[in-house]
Amino acid sequence: MSVSAATRAITPQGIVARKGGAPLACLTAYTTPMARLVDRHCDLVLVGDSVGMVLHGLPSTLGVTMEMMILHGQAVRRGLDRALMVIDLPFGAYEEGPQQAFRNAARLMAETGAGAVKLEGGAAMVETVGFLTARGIPVMAHLGLTPQAVNVLGGYKVQGRGEDGERIAADAAAIADAGAFALVLEKVPQDLARRITAEIAIPTIGIGASAACDGQILVIDDMLGLFADFQPKFVRRYAELGRDADAAIAAYAADVRAGRFPAPEHAFGDAPAPRSTGSDAG
């Protein structure tokens, strides 16, 4: 889709400029039709590695590959006109060092048209964030519950309670200073989210981090009721599309088995007989 003056595409700089202003509305997307819907209403669309769980049936995000991210990133890009597209660097694609991160981030952006990448981690990622941003790759950071580190964290638990909050606050300051344009805070206490939001100059995007953040993001399949394996406390279901789809599929199967579908109006008639030309040579 072309970008007109009325629908000028949002940039990372535009996201930074929203710090302390009207809250940023963000959602994930993995397909072109869903991206088109999200683009009409949201400021930022994340092609998240959560795609591995909600669309591919993986038990965690750890099995997501670069090829999967590129495939879904390309699909989402086709559906966007206005929202900033950010794409996750999958597990194992950046932790080795800045050079590895640059190669894979550059590939993701070149092959998908994303406007930025997202990576997880604090102090250990400061050098990488600086390396990427110095070379033209905008970075969104992610702290708190970092799903790619679920095995180290011991599960999908709230992070930053008590003294551990100091670690996350220090990581947030360091990541912001390194050049990240925004920071996702996942599953951290409200007071910590409020403190970090006040202390850093870049927007915070909360997911299970309360309204104290500069914006919010949810996995779209969670908020639409399409992914029902579990429902985190921080998710509000805005629809129950999974339940509705189940009822629709059941009705279709019943109609097929009962001979009610397809009905006559869904069928095509025989081809009409060719008209006579009246050209007999008598």
Protein backbone atom coordinates (compact mmCIF):
# COMPACT_ATOMS: atom_id res chain seq x y z
CA MET A 1 0.00 0.00 0.00
CA SER A 2 1.17 3.52 -0.70
CA VAL A 3 1.69 5.98 2.12
CA SER A 4 -0.17 9.24 1.61
CA ALA A 5 0.26 12.47 3.53
CA ALA A 6 -2.90 11.62 5.47
CA THR A 7 -1.53 8.23 6.51
CA ARG A 8 2.15 8.99 6.96
CA ALA A 9 4.02 6.00 8.32
CA ILE A 10 5.07 6.14 11.97
CA THR A 11 8.82 5.99 12.60
CA PRO A 12 10.87 5.06 15.67
CA GLN A 13 11.48 8.79 16.15
CA GLY A 14 7.73 9.30 16.13
CA ILE A 15 7.36 6.70 18.86
CA VAL A 16 10.00 8.44 20.98
CA ALA A 17 8.17 11.75 20.54
CA ARG A 18 5.09 10.21 22.15
CA LYS A 19 6.89 9.83 25.50
CA GLY A 20 4.60 11.10 28.23
CA GLY A 21 1.81 11.86 25.76
CA ALA A 22 -1.26 9.93 24.66
CA PRO A 23 -0.65 6.24 25.42
CA LEU A 24 0.72 4.16 22.55
CA ALA A 25 -1.55 1.33 21.35
CA CYS A 26 0.43 -1.69 20.14
CA LEU A 27 -0.45 -5.26 19.15
CA THR A 28 1.24 -8.25 17.59
CA ALA A 29 0.32 -9.50 14.13
CA TYR A 30 1.53 -12.43 12.03
CA THR A 31 -0.61 -12.38 8.87
CA THR A 32 -1.61 -9.87 6.20
CA PRO A 33 -5.35 -9.75 7.00
CA MET A 34 -4.73 -9.21 10.70
CA ALA A 35 -2.06 -6.61 10.00
CA ARG A 36 -4.56 -4.62 7.92
CA LEU A 37 -6.99 -4.55 10.82
CA VAL A 38 -4.37 -3.60 13.41
CA ASP A 39 -2.91 -0.90 11.15
CA ARG A 40 -6.22 0.97 11.21
CA HIS A 41 -6.10 1.46 14.96
CA CYS A 42 -2.62 0.97 16.42
CA ASP A 43 0.66 2.87 16.44
CA LEU A 44 3.04 -0.09 16.43
CA VAL A 45 2.73 -3.66 15.16
CA LEU A 46 5.10 -6.27 16.55
CA VAL A 47 5.84 -9.39 14.56
CA GLY A 48 6.60 -11.29 17.73
CA ASP A 49 8.29 -14.62 18.21
CA SER A 50 5.09 -15.49 20.09
CA VAL A 51 4.05 -16.66 16.61
CA GLY A 52 5.78 -19.93 17.44
CA MET A 53 3.31 -20.64 20.22
CA VAL A 54 0.07 -19.17 18.91
CA LEU A 55 0.31 -20.20 15.24
CA HIS A 56 2.85 -23.04 15.11
CA GLY A 57 1.97 -24.91 18.31
CA LEU A 58 5.43 -24.72 19.87
CA PRO A 59 5.69 -25.02 23.67
CA SER A 60 7.74 -21.81 23.93
CA THR A 61 9.36 -19.19 21.72
CA LEU A 62 12.72 -20.97 21.75
CA GLY A 63 12.09 -23.00 18.60
CA VAL A 64 11.30 -20.00 16.41
CA THR A 65 13.70 -19.57 13.49
CA MET A 66 14.86 -16.67 11.35
CA GLU A 67 12.98 -18.18 8.42
CA MET A 68 9.73 -18.20 10.38
CA MET A 69 10.19 -14.57 11.39
CA ILE A 70 10.95 -13.55 7.80
CA LEU A 71 7.91 -15.39 6.44
CA HIS A 72 5.53 -13.75 8.89
CA GLY A 73 7.29 -10.40 8.69
CA GLN A 74 6.78 -10.30 4.94
CA ALA A 75 3.10 -11.14 5.37
CA VAL A 76 2.58 -8.40 7.95
CA ARG A 77 4.44 -5.79 5.91
CA ARG A 78 1.98 -6.31 3.04
CA GLY A 79 -0.87 -5.28 5.33
CA LEU A 80 0.61 -2.10 6.79
CA ASP A 81 0.28 1.49 5.69
CA ARG A 82 0.75 3.56 8.83
CA ALA A 83 1.86 1.63 11.94
CA LEU A 84 5.54 1.09 12.73
CA MET A 85 6.48 -2.55 12.16
CA VAL A 86 8.91 -4.03 14.67
CA ILE A 87 10.15 -7.61 14.32
CA ASP A 88 11.62 -9.91 16.98
CA LEU A 89 15.11 -11.29 16.71
CA PRO A 90 14.55 -14.96 17.56
CA PHE A 91 16.41 -16.89 20.23
CA GLY A 92 19.98 -17.62 19.20
CA ALA A 93 20.09 -14.92 16.53
CA TYR A 94 21.82 -12.18 18.55
CA GLU A 95 23.13 -13.38 21.91
CA GLU A 96 26.56 -14.39 20.59
CA GLY A 97 27.62 -10.79 20.06
CA PRO A 98 27.05 -7.51 18.23
CA GLN A 99 28.31 -8.78 14.86
CA GLN A 100 25.93 -11.75 14.86
CA ALA A 101 23.09 -9.47 15.94
CA PHE A 102 23.85 -7.02 13.14
CA ARG A 103 23.93 -9.70 10.45
CA ASN A 104 20.59 -11.13 11.50
CA ALA A 105 18.91 -7.79 12.23
CA ALA A 106 20.02 -6.43 8.86
CA ARG A 107 18.66 -9.54 7.15
CA LEU A 108 15.31 -9.26 8.94
CA MET A 109 14.92 -5.61 8.00
CA ALA A 110 16.07 -6.07 4.40
CA GLU A 111 13.86 -9.10 3.71
CA THR A 112 10.72 -7.94 5.53
CA GLY A 113 10.70 -4.14 5.35
CA ALA A 114 10.48 -3.84 9.14
CA GLY A 115 11.26 -0.44 10.62
CA ALA A 116 13.00 -1.80 13.73
CA VAL A 117 13.96 -4.97 15.58
CA LYS A 118 13.28 -6.09 19.15
CA LEU A 119 15.62 -8.04 21.39
CA GLU A 120 15.49 -9.24 24.97
CA GLY A 121 17.94 -8.57 27.78
CA GLY A 122 19.53 -5.86 29.88
CA ALA A 123 23.16 -5.22 30.77
CA ALA A 124 24.41 -8.06 28.55
CA MET A 125 22.76 -6.41 25.53
CA VAL A 126 24.00 -2.84 26.04
CA GLU A 127 26.96 -3.21 23.67
CA THR A 128 24.74 -4.88 21.07
CA VAL A 129 22.08 -2.18 21.23
CA GLY A 130 24.72 0.51 20.77
CA PHE A 131 26.34 -1.42 17.92
CA LEU A 132 23.04 -1.83 16.06
CA THR A 133 21.78 1.72 16.49
CA ALA A 134 25.14 3.15 15.40
CA ARG A 135 24.73 1.19 12.17
CA GLY A 136 21.21 2.28 11.32
CA ILE A 137 19.11 -0.40 13.00
CA PRO A 138 16.53 0.97 15.48
CA VAL A 139 16.12 -1.28 18.52
CA MET A 140 13.22 -1.87 20.85
CA ALA A 141 14.38 -3.53 24.06
CA HIS A 142 12.52 -5.98 26.33
CA LEU A 143 12.98 -6.40 30.09
CA GLY A 144 11.19 -8.07 32.99
CA LEU A 145 9.81 -11.44 31.99
CA THR A 146 11.85 -12.24 28.89
CA PRO A 147 10.27 -15.37 27.34
CA GLN A 148 13.46 -16.46 25.56
CA ALA A 149 15.07 -16.81 29.01
CA VAL A 150 12.18 -18.78 30.48
CA ASN A 151 14.40 -21.73 31.40
CA VAL A 152 16.75 -19.49 33.39
CA LEU A 153 13.88 -17.61 35.02
CA GLY A 154 12.17 -20.83 36.11
CA GLY A 155 8.91 -20.20 34.28
CA TYR A 156 6.65 -17.32 33.34
CA LYS A 157 6.89 -15.56 36.70
CA VAL A 158 6.59 -11.91 37.69
CA GLN A 159 10.03 -10.27 37.65
CA GLY A 160 11.40 -7.31 39.60
CA ARG A 161 9.88 -7.84 43.01
CA GLY A 162 11.84 -6.58 46.00
CA GLU A 163 15.55 -6.06 45.49
CA ASP A 164 15.38 -7.51 41.99
CA GLY A 165 13.64 -4.31 40.96
CA GLU A 166 16.95 -2.48 41.26
CA ARG A 167 18.50 -4.77 38.67
CA ILE A 168 15.72 -4.20 36.17
CA ALA A 169 15.72 -0.43 36.77
CA ALA A 170 19.48 -0.32 36.18
CA ASP A 171 19.10 -2.43 33.03
CA ALA A 172 16.40 -0.08 31.75
CA ALA A 173 18.58 2.98 32.25
CA ALA A 174 21.55 1.31 30.56
CA ILE A 175 19.51 0.11 27.59
CA ALA A 176 17.98 3.56 27.10
CA ASP A 177 21.40 5.19 27.26
CA ALA A 178 22.68 2.68 24.68
CA GLY A 179 20.19 4.02 22.14
CA ALA A 180 17.01 1.90 22.26
CA PHE A 181 13.99 3.90 21.11
CA ALA A 182 11.45 2.06 23.29
CA LEU A 183 11.34 -0.55 26.05
CA VAL A 184 8.85 -3.36 26.57
CA LEU A 185 8.28 -4.13 30.24
CA GLU A 186 6.67 -7.53 30.72
CA LYS A 187 5.11 -8.85 33.91
CA VAL A 188 6.71 -6.45 36.41
CA PRO A 189 5.10 -4.82 39.47
CA GLN A 190 3.23 -1.57 38.92
CA ASP A 191 5.50 0.49 41.17
CA LEU A 192 8.59 -0.65 39.27
CA ALA A 193 6.96 0.12 35.92
CA ARG A 194 6.02 3.59 37.16
CA ARG A 195 9.56 4.23 38.40
CA ILE A 196 11.23 3.11 35.17
CA THR A 197 8.77 5.10 33.06
CA ALA A 198 9.61 8.22 35.04
CA GLU A 199 13.38 7.65 35.00
CA ILE A 200 14.09 6.91 31.31
CA ALA A 201 13.63 9.21 28.34
CA ILE A 202 12.19 6.59 25.97
CA PRO A 203 8.65 5.21 26.00
CA THR A 204 7.85 2.13 28.02
CA ILE A 205 5.39 -0.35 26.51
CA GLY A 206 3.71 -2.51 29.10
CA ILE A 207 2.44 -6.07 28.90
CA GLY A 208 1.39 -7.04 32.39
CA ALA A 209 3.14 -3.90 33.71
CA SER A 210 0.06 -1.76 34.53
CA ALA A 211 -1.19 1.54 33.10
CA ALA A 212 1.89 3.29 34.48
CA CYS A 213 3.67 2.70 31.14
CA ASP A 214 3.66 5.00 28.11
CA GLY A 215 1.82 2.39 26.05
CA GLN A 216 0.46 -1.13 26.02
CA ILE A 217 0.90 -4.25 23.91
CA LEU A 218 -0.85 -7.63 23.87
CA VAL A 219 -0.54 -10.76 21.78
CA ILE A 220 -3.45 -10.38 19.37
CA ASP A 221 -4.49 -14.04 19.59
CA ASP A 222 -4.79 -13.64 23.37
CA MET A 223 -6.98 -10.55 23.29
CA LEU A 224 -9.21 -11.96 20.55
CA GLY A 225 -9.69 -15.29 22.31
CA LEU A 226 -8.01 -17.29 19.55
CA PHE A 227 -5.26 -18.75 21.75
CA ALA A 228 -6.84 -20.56 24.67
CA ASP A 229 -4.03 -22.79 25.96
CA PHE A 230 -3.69 -20.42 28.91
CA GLN A 231 -4.74 -16.87 29.76
CA PRO A 232 -2.31 -14.63 31.66
CA LYS A 233 -3.81 -12.41 34.35
CA PHE A 234 -2.85 -9.29 32.41
CA VAL A 235 -4.87 -10.21 29.30
CA ARG A 236 -8.32 -8.78 28.71
CA ARG A 237 -10.36 -10.76 26.20
CA TYR A 238 -11.97 -8.27 23.84
CA ALA A 239 -13.60 -11.05 21.81
CA GLU A 240 -14.08 -14.82 21.91
CA LEU A 241 -13.26 -15.62 18.31
CA GLY A 242 -11.96 -19.06 19.17
CA ARG A 243 -15.29 -20.02 20.74
CA ASP A 244 -17.22 -18.50 17.83
CA ALA A 245 -15.03 -20.32 15.30
CA ASP A 246 -15.57 -23.61 17.11
CA ALA A 247 -19.34 -23.16 16.92
CA ALA A 248 -19.16 -22.20 13.24
CA ILE A 249 -17.00 -25.22 12.33
CA ALA A 250 -19.33 -27.52 14.26
CA ALA A 251 -22.33 -26.11 12.39
CA TYR A 252 -20.58 -26.54 9.03
CA ALA A 253 -19.64 -30.17 9.76
CA ALA A 254 -23.19 -30.93 10.87
CA ASP A 255 -24.65 -29.37 7.71
CA VAL A 256 -22.30 -31.36 5.46
CA ARG A 257 -23.14 -34.64 7.18
CA ALA A 258 -26.89 -33.90 7.06
CA GLY A 259 -26.82 -32.92 3.39
CA ARG A 260 -27.80 -29.32 4.12
CA PHE A 261 -24.62 -27.91 2.57
CA PRO A 262 -24.02 -27.23 -0.19
CA ALA A 263 -27.57 -26.12 -0.98
CA PRO A 264 -28.87 -25.52 -4.52
CA GLU A 265 -27.91 -21.84 -4.35
CA HIS A 266 -24.28 -22.86 -3.85
CA ALA A 267 -24.16 -25.01 -7.00
CA PHE A 268 -23.57 -24.17 -10.66
CA GLY A 269 -25.93 -25.29 -13.43
CA ASP A 270 -24.96 -27.13 -16.60
CA ALA A 271 -23.36 -25.09 -19.36
CA PRO A 272 -25.99 -23.72 -21.78
CA ALA A 273 -26.26 -25.48 -25.13
CA PRO A 274 -24.56 -23.62 -28.01
CA ARG A 275 -26.94 -21.44 -30.03
CA SER A 276 -27.67 -22.43 -33.62
CA THR A 277 -26.12 -20.14 -36.21
CA GLY A 278 -28.88 -20.79 -38.79
CA SER A 279 -26.31 -21.07 -41.54
CA ASP A 280 -27.52 -24.23 -43.28
CA ALA A 281 -26.50 -24.24 -46.96
CA GLY A 282 -29.87 -25.36 -48.37
